[in-house]
């Protein structure tokens, strides 16, 4: 079973990727893709907040 720190690191890596894909989807005006990515973004953001991660510096989307 993964430790808390491993789960947090995985969530952080996924959070960075989701933000990159959201920026690309917005640039390409892919509204449906953006909406689906936003759901994942919100889930990861909630998980990271519960884990005590300060997202101020790494949250580039800020939604």
PDB file of N, CA and C in Angstrom:
ATOM      1  N   UNK A   1       0.852  -1.184   0.000  1.00  0.00           N
ATOM      2  CA  UNK A   1       0.000   0.000   0.000  1.00  0.00           C
ATOM      3  C   UNK A   1       0.896   1.246   0.000  1.00  0.00           C
ATOM      4  N   UNK A   2       0.597   2.215  -0.880  1.00  0.00           N
ATOM      5  CA  UNK A   2       1.437   3.413  -0.948  1.00  0.00           C
ATOM      6  C   UNK A   2       1.283   4.278   0.309  1.00  0.00           C
ATOM      7  N   UNK A   3       2.373   4.941   0.649  1.00  0.00           N
ATOM      8  CA  UNK A   3       2.344   5.838   1.807  1.00  0.00           C
ATOM      9  C   UNK A   3       1.657   7.149   1.420  1.00  0.00           C
ATOM     10  N   UNK A   4       1.349   7.952   2.441  1.00  0.00           N
ATOM     11  CA  UNK A   4       0.702   9.243   2.198  1.00  0.00           C
ATOM     12  C   UNK A   4       1.522  10.141   1.303  1.00  0.00           C
ATOM     13  N   UNK A   5       2.842  10.121   1.499  1.00  0.00           N
ATOM     14  CA  UNK A   5       3.714  10.974   0.694  1.00  0.00           C
ATOM     15  C   UNK A   5       3.727  10.522  -0.764  1.00  0.00           C
ATOM     16  N   UNK A   6       3.643   9.226  -1.002  1.00  0.00           N
ATOM     17  CA  UNK A   6       3.607   8.711  -2.377  1.00  0.00           C
ATOM     18  C   UNK A   6       2.305   9.110  -3.069  1.00  0.00           C
ATOM     19  N   UNK A   7       1.209   9.036  -2.343  1.00  0.00           N
ATOM     20  CA  UNK A   7      -0.092   9.434  -2.887  1.00  0.00           C
ATOM     21  C   UNK A   7      -0.072  10.929  -3.212  1.00  0.00           C
ATOM     22  N   UNK A   8       0.493  11.726  -2.318  1.00  0.00           N
ATOM     23  CA  UNK A   8       0.564  13.170  -2.531  1.00  0.00           C
ATOM     24  C   UNK A   8       1.438  13.498  -3.737  1.00  0.00           C
ATOM     25  N   UNK A   9       2.580  12.822  -3.866  1.00  0.00           N
ATOM     26  CA  UNK A   9       3.458  13.077  -5.012  1.00  0.00           C
ATOM     27  C   UNK A   9       2.760  12.729  -6.324  1.00  0.00           C
ATOM     28  N   UNK A  10       2.074  11.603  -6.347  1.00  0.00           N
ATOM     29  CA  UNK A  10       1.337  11.217  -7.549  1.00  0.00           C
ATOM     30  C   UNK A  10       0.270  12.255  -7.883  1.00  0.00           C
ATOM     31  N   UNK A  11      -0.456  12.720  -6.862  1.00  0.00           N
ATOM     32  CA  UNK A  11      -1.490  13.733  -7.073  1.00  0.00           C
ATOM     33  C   UNK A  11      -0.875  15.035  -7.578  1.00  0.00           C
ATOM     34  N   UNK A  12       0.282  15.414  -7.050  1.00  0.00           N
ATOM     35  CA  UNK A  12       0.957  16.631  -7.520  1.00  0.00           C
ATOM     36  C   UNK A  12       1.378  16.504  -8.980  1.00  0.00           C
ATOM     37  N   UNK A  13       1.935  15.355  -9.334  1.00  0.00           N
ATOM     38  CA  UNK A  13       2.332  15.126 -10.726  1.00  0.00           C
ATOM     39  C   UNK A  13       1.114  15.192 -11.650  1.00  0.00           C
ATOM     40  N   UNK A  14       0.027  14.551 -11.231  1.00  0.00           N
ATOM     41  CA  UNK A  14      -1.206  14.568 -12.027  1.00  0.00           C
ATOM     42  C   UNK A  14      -1.777  15.983 -12.118  1.00  0.00           C
ATOM     43  N   UNK A  15      -1.692  16.734 -11.038  1.00  0.00           N
ATOM     44  CA  UNK A  15      -2.195  18.109 -10.998  1.00  0.00           C
ATOM     45  C   UNK A  15      -1.460  18.971 -12.025  1.00  0.00           C
ATOM     46  N   UNK A  16      -0.146  18.831 -12.079  1.00  0.00           N
ATOM     47  CA  UNK A  16       0.644  19.592 -13.052  1.00  0.00           C
ATOM     48  C   UNK A  16       0.248  19.225 -14.479  1.00  0.00           C
ATOM     49  N   UNK A  17       0.070  17.916 -14.741  1.00  0.00           N
ATOM     50  CA  UNK A  17      -0.309  17.469 -16.085  1.00  0.00           C
ATOM     51  C   UNK A  17      -1.686  17.989 -16.471  1.00  0.00           C
ATOM     52  N   UNK A  18      -2.633  17.896 -15.559  1.00  0.00           N
ATOM     53  CA  UNK A  18      -3.997  18.363 -15.839  1.00  0.00           C
ATOM     54  C   UNK A  18      -3.988  19.847 -16.172  1.00  0.00           C
ATOM     55  N   UNK A  19      -3.213  20.633 -15.427  1.00  0.00           N
ATOM     56  CA  UNK A  19      -3.142  22.066 -15.710  1.00  0.00           C
ATOM     57  C   UNK A  19      -2.584  22.325 -17.116  1.00  0.00           C
ATOM     58  N   UNK A  20      -1.569  21.559 -17.511  1.00  0.00           N
ATOM     59  CA  UNK A  20      -0.996  21.721 -18.841  1.00  0.00           C
ATOM     60  C   UNK A  20      -2.052  21.408 -19.904  1.00  0.00           C
ATOM     61  N   UNK A  21      -2.779  20.292 -19.706  1.00  0.00           N
ATOM     62  CA  UNK A  21      -3.812  19.912 -20.674  1.00  0.00           C
ATOM     63  C   UNK A  21      -4.960  20.923 -20.689  1.00  0.00           C
ATOM     64  N   UNK A  22      -5.280  21.499 -19.554  1.00  0.00           N
ATOM     65  CA  UNK A  22      -6.332  22.516 -19.507  1.00  0.00           C
ATOM     66  C   UNK A  22      -5.921  23.751 -20.298  1.00  0.00           C
ATOM     67  N   UNK A  23      -4.671  24.170 -20.138  1.00  0.00           N
ATOM     68  CA  UNK A  23      -4.190  25.330 -20.903  1.00  0.00           C
ATOM     69  C   UNK A  23      -4.265  25.055 -22.406  1.00  0.00           C
ATOM     70  N   UNK A  24      -3.845  23.849 -22.812  1.00  0.00           N
ATOM     71  CA  UNK A  24      -3.908  23.493 -24.231  1.00  0.00           C
ATOM     72  C   UNK A  24      -5.348  23.441 -24.738  1.00  0.00           C
ATOM     73  N   UNK A  25      -6.237  22.849 -23.961  1.00  0.00           N
ATOM     74  CA  UNK A  25      -7.641  22.751 -24.365  1.00  0.00           C
ATOM     75  C   UNK A  25      -8.256  24.143 -24.512  1.00  0.00           C
ATOM     76  N   UNK A  26      -7.915  25.031 -23.590  1.00  0.00           N
ATOM     77  CA  UNK A  26      -8.445  26.396 -23.668  1.00  0.00           C
ATOM     78  C   UNK A  26      -7.911  27.101 -24.914  1.00  0.00           C
ATOM     79  N   UNK A  27      -6.621  26.928 -25.178  1.00  0.00           N
ATOM     80  CA  UNK A  27      -5.997  27.541 -26.348  1.00  0.00           C
ATOM     81  C   UNK A  27      -6.643  27.048 -27.639  1.00  0.00           C
ATOM     82  N   UNK A  28      -6.982  25.769 -27.676  1.00  0.00           N
ATOM     83  CA  UNK A  28      -7.585  25.169 -28.868  1.00  0.00           C
ATOM     84  C   UNK A  28      -9.107  25.319 -28.890  1.00  0.00           C
ATOM     85  N   UNK A  29      -9.649  25.987 -27.880  1.00  0.00           N
ATOM     86  CA  UNK A  29     -11.085  26.193 -27.750  1.00  0.00           C
ATOM     87  C   UNK A  29     -11.849  24.861 -27.710  1.00  0.00           C
ATOM     88  N   UNK A  30     -11.265  23.890 -27.037  1.00  0.00           N
ATOM     89  CA  UNK A  30     -11.881  22.567 -26.874  1.00  0.00           C
ATOM     90  C   UNK A  30     -12.700  22.576 -25.580  1.00  0.00           C
ATOM     91  N   UNK A  31     -13.888  23.143 -25.657  1.00  0.00           N
ATOM     92  CA  UNK A  31     -14.672  23.392 -24.458  1.00  0.00           C
ATOM     93  C   UNK A  31     -15.105  22.117 -23.736  1.00  0.00           C
ATOM     94  N   UNK A  32     -15.469  21.085 -24.467  1.00  0.00           N
ATOM     95  CA  UNK A  32     -15.885  19.834 -23.817  1.00  0.00           C
ATOM     96  C   UNK A  32     -14.699  19.161 -23.121  1.00  0.00           C
ATOM     97  N   UNK A  33     -13.576  19.162 -23.793  1.00  0.00           N
ATOM     98  CA  UNK A  33     -12.363  18.591 -23.196  1.00  0.00           C
ATOM     99  C   UNK A  33     -11.984  19.378 -21.952  1.00  0.00           C
ATOM    100  N   UNK A  34     -12.035  20.695 -22.043  1.00  0.00           N
ATOM    101  CA  UNK A  34     -11.702  21.552 -20.904  1.00  0.00           C
ATOM    102  C   UNK A  34     -12.624  21.247 -19.727  1.00  0.00           C
ATOM    103  N   UNK A  35     -13.906  21.093 -19.986  1.00  0.00           N
ATOM    104  CA  UNK A  35     -14.873  20.823 -18.909  1.00  0.00           C
ATOM    105  C   UNK A  35     -14.563  19.506 -18.208  1.00  0.00           C
ATOM    106  N   UNK A  36     -14.202  18.482 -18.966  1.00  0.00           N
ATOM    107  CA  UNK A  36     -13.857  17.186 -18.356  1.00  0.00           C
ATOM    108  C   UNK A  36     -12.558  17.284 -17.565  1.00  0.00           C
ATOM    109  N   UNK A  37     -11.578  17.981 -18.109  1.00  0.00           N
ATOM    110  CA  UNK A  37     -10.320  18.169 -17.396  1.00  0.00           C
ATOM    111  C   UNK A  37     -10.534  18.958 -16.106  1.00  0.00           C
ATOM    112  N   UNK A  38     -11.449  19.915 -16.153  1.00  0.00           N
ATOM    113  CA  UNK A  38     -11.716  20.734 -14.971  1.00  0.00           C
ATOM    114  C   UNK A  38     -12.249  19.882 -13.823  1.00  0.00           C
ATOM    115  N   UNK A  39     -13.056  18.868 -14.121  1.00  0.00           N
ATOM    116  CA  UNK A  39     -13.557  17.973 -13.081  1.00  0.00           C
ATOM    117  C   UNK A  39     -12.396  17.261 -12.390  1.00  0.00           C
ATOM    118  N   UNK A  40     -11.467  16.762 -13.181  1.00  0.00           N
ATOM    119  CA  UNK A  40     -10.285  16.080 -12.621  1.00  0.00           C
ATOM    120  C   UNK A  40      -9.432  17.064 -11.835  1.00  0.00           C
ATOM    121  N   UNK A  41      -9.275  18.267 -12.364  1.00  0.00           N
ATOM    122  CA  UNK A  41      -8.526  19.335 -11.697  1.00  0.00           C
ATOM    123  C   UNK A  41      -9.117  19.622 -10.317  1.00  0.00           C
ATOM    124  N   UNK A  42     -10.429  19.742 -10.244  1.00  0.00           N
ATOM    125  CA  UNK A  42     -11.084  20.041  -8.973  1.00  0.00           C
ATOM    126  C   UNK A  42     -10.911  18.899  -7.968  1.00  0.00           C
ATOM    127  N   UNK A  43     -10.983  17.670  -8.448  1.00  0.00           N
ATOM    128  CA  UNK A  43     -10.789  16.512  -7.575  1.00  0.00           C
ATOM    129  C   UNK A  43      -9.368  16.493  -7.021  1.00  0.00           C
ATOM    130  N   UNK A  44      -8.397  16.681  -7.897  1.00  0.00           N
ATOM    131  CA  UNK A  44      -7.007  16.686  -7.447  1.00  0.00           C
ATOM    132  C   UNK A  44      -6.726  17.855  -6.507  1.00  0.00           C
ATOM    133  N   UNK A  45      -7.302  18.991  -6.797  1.00  0.00           N
ATOM    134  CA  UNK A  45      -7.115  20.162  -5.944  1.00  0.00           C
ATOM    135  C   UNK A  45      -7.673  19.906  -4.540  1.00  0.00           C
ATOM    136  N   UNK A  46      -8.834  19.283  -4.474  1.00  0.00           N
ATOM    137  CA  UNK A  46      -9.421  18.952  -3.169  1.00  0.00           C
ATOM    138  C   UNK A  46      -8.543  17.957  -2.414  1.00  0.00           C
ATOM    139  N   UNK A  47      -8.071  16.929  -3.108  1.00  0.00           N
ATOM    140  CA  UNK A  47      -7.201  15.931  -2.482  1.00  0.00           C
ATOM    141  C   UNK A  47      -5.927  16.568  -1.945  1.00  0.00           C
ATOM    142  N   UNK A  48      -5.331  17.435  -2.741  1.00  0.00           N
ATOM    143  CA  UNK A  48      -4.098  18.093  -2.302  1.00  0.00           C
ATOM    144  C   UNK A  48      -4.349  19.036  -1.131  1.00  0.00           C
ATOM    145  N   UNK A  49      -5.482  19.720  -1.138  1.00  0.00           N
ATOM    146  CA  UNK A  49      -5.823  20.590  -0.009  1.00  0.00           C
ATOM    147  C   UNK A  49      -5.980  19.792   1.272  1.00  0.00           C
ATOM    148  N   UNK A  50      -6.666  18.661   1.190  1.00  0.00           N
ATOM    149  CA  UNK A  50      -6.853  17.796   2.360  1.00  0.00           C
ATOM    150  C   UNK A  50      -5.508  17.258   2.842  1.00  0.00           C
ATOM    151  N   UNK A  51      -4.580  17.051   1.900  1.00  0.00           N
ATOM    152  CA  UNK A  51      -3.249  16.546   2.248  1.00  0.00           C
ATOM    153  C   UNK A  51      -2.352  17.633   2.824  1.00  0.00           C
ATOM    154  N   UNK A  52      -2.849  18.863   2.838  1.00  0.00           N
ATOM    155  CA  UNK A  52      -2.087  19.964   3.427  1.00  0.00           C
ATOM    156  C   UNK A  52      -1.127  20.646   2.471  1.00  0.00           C
ATOM    157  N   UNK A  53      -1.279  20.417   1.172  1.00  0.00           N
ATOM    158  CA  UNK A  53      -0.391  21.035   0.186  1.00  0.00           C
ATOM    159  C   UNK A  53      -0.861  22.464  -0.079  1.00  0.00           C
ATOM    160  N   UNK A  54       0.075  23.409   0.010  1.00  0.00           N
ATOM    161  CA  UNK A  54      -0.217  24.802  -0.303  1.00  0.00           C
ATOM    162  C   UNK A  54      -0.144  24.967  -1.819  1.00  0.00           C
ATOM    163  N   UNK A  55      -1.276  25.228  -2.440  1.00  0.00           N
ATOM    164  CA  UNK A  55      -1.352  25.312  -3.897  1.00  0.00           C
ATOM    165  C   UNK A  55      -1.109  26.720  -4.448  1.00  0.00           C
ATOM    166  N   UNK A  56      -0.848  27.677  -3.572  1.00  0.00           N
ATOM    167  CA  UNK A  56      -0.704  29.063  -3.994  1.00  0.00           C
ATOM    168  C   UNK A  56       0.307  29.225  -5.127  1.00  0.00           C
ATOM    169  N   UNK A  57       1.439  28.584  -5.022  1.00  0.00           N
ATOM    170  CA  UNK A  57       2.506  28.741  -6.015  1.00  0.00           C
ATOM    171  C   UNK A  57       2.313  27.869  -7.250  1.00  0.00           C
ATOM    172  N   UNK A  58       1.665  26.713  -7.108  1.00  0.00           N
ATOM    173  CA  UNK A  58       1.628  25.775  -8.230  1.00  0.00           C
ATOM    174  C   UNK A  58       0.314  25.759  -8.990  1.00  0.00           C
ATOM    175  N   UNK A  59      -0.709  26.405  -8.459  1.00  0.00           N
ATOM    176  CA  UNK A  59      -2.003  26.429  -9.136  1.00  0.00           C
ATOM    177  C   UNK A  59      -2.015  27.526 -10.185  1.00  0.00           C
ATOM    178  N   UNK A  60      -1.791  27.145 -11.433  1.00  0.00           N
ATOM    179  CA  UNK A  60      -1.714  28.120 -12.529  1.00  0.00           C
ATOM    180  C   UNK A  60      -3.088  28.448 -13.094  1.00  0.00           C
ATOM    181  N   UNK A  61      -4.066  27.610 -12.889  1.00  0.00           N
ATOM    182  CA  UNK A  61      -5.405  27.803 -13.434  1.00  0.00           C
ATOM    183  C   UNK A  61      -6.233  28.723 -12.535  1.00  0.00           C
ATOM    184  N   UNK A  62      -6.153  28.504 -11.247  1.00  0.00           N
ATOM    185  CA  UNK A  62      -6.837  29.321 -10.218  1.00  0.00           C
ATOM    186  C   UNK A  62      -8.343  29.407 -10.435  1.00  0.00           C
ATOM    187  N   UNK A  63      -8.987  28.267 -10.630  1.00  0.00           N
ATOM    188  CA  UNK A  63     -10.446  28.230 -10.768  1.00  0.00           C
ATOM    189  C   UNK A  63     -11.040  27.539  -9.573  1.00  0.00           C
TER     190      UNK A  63
END
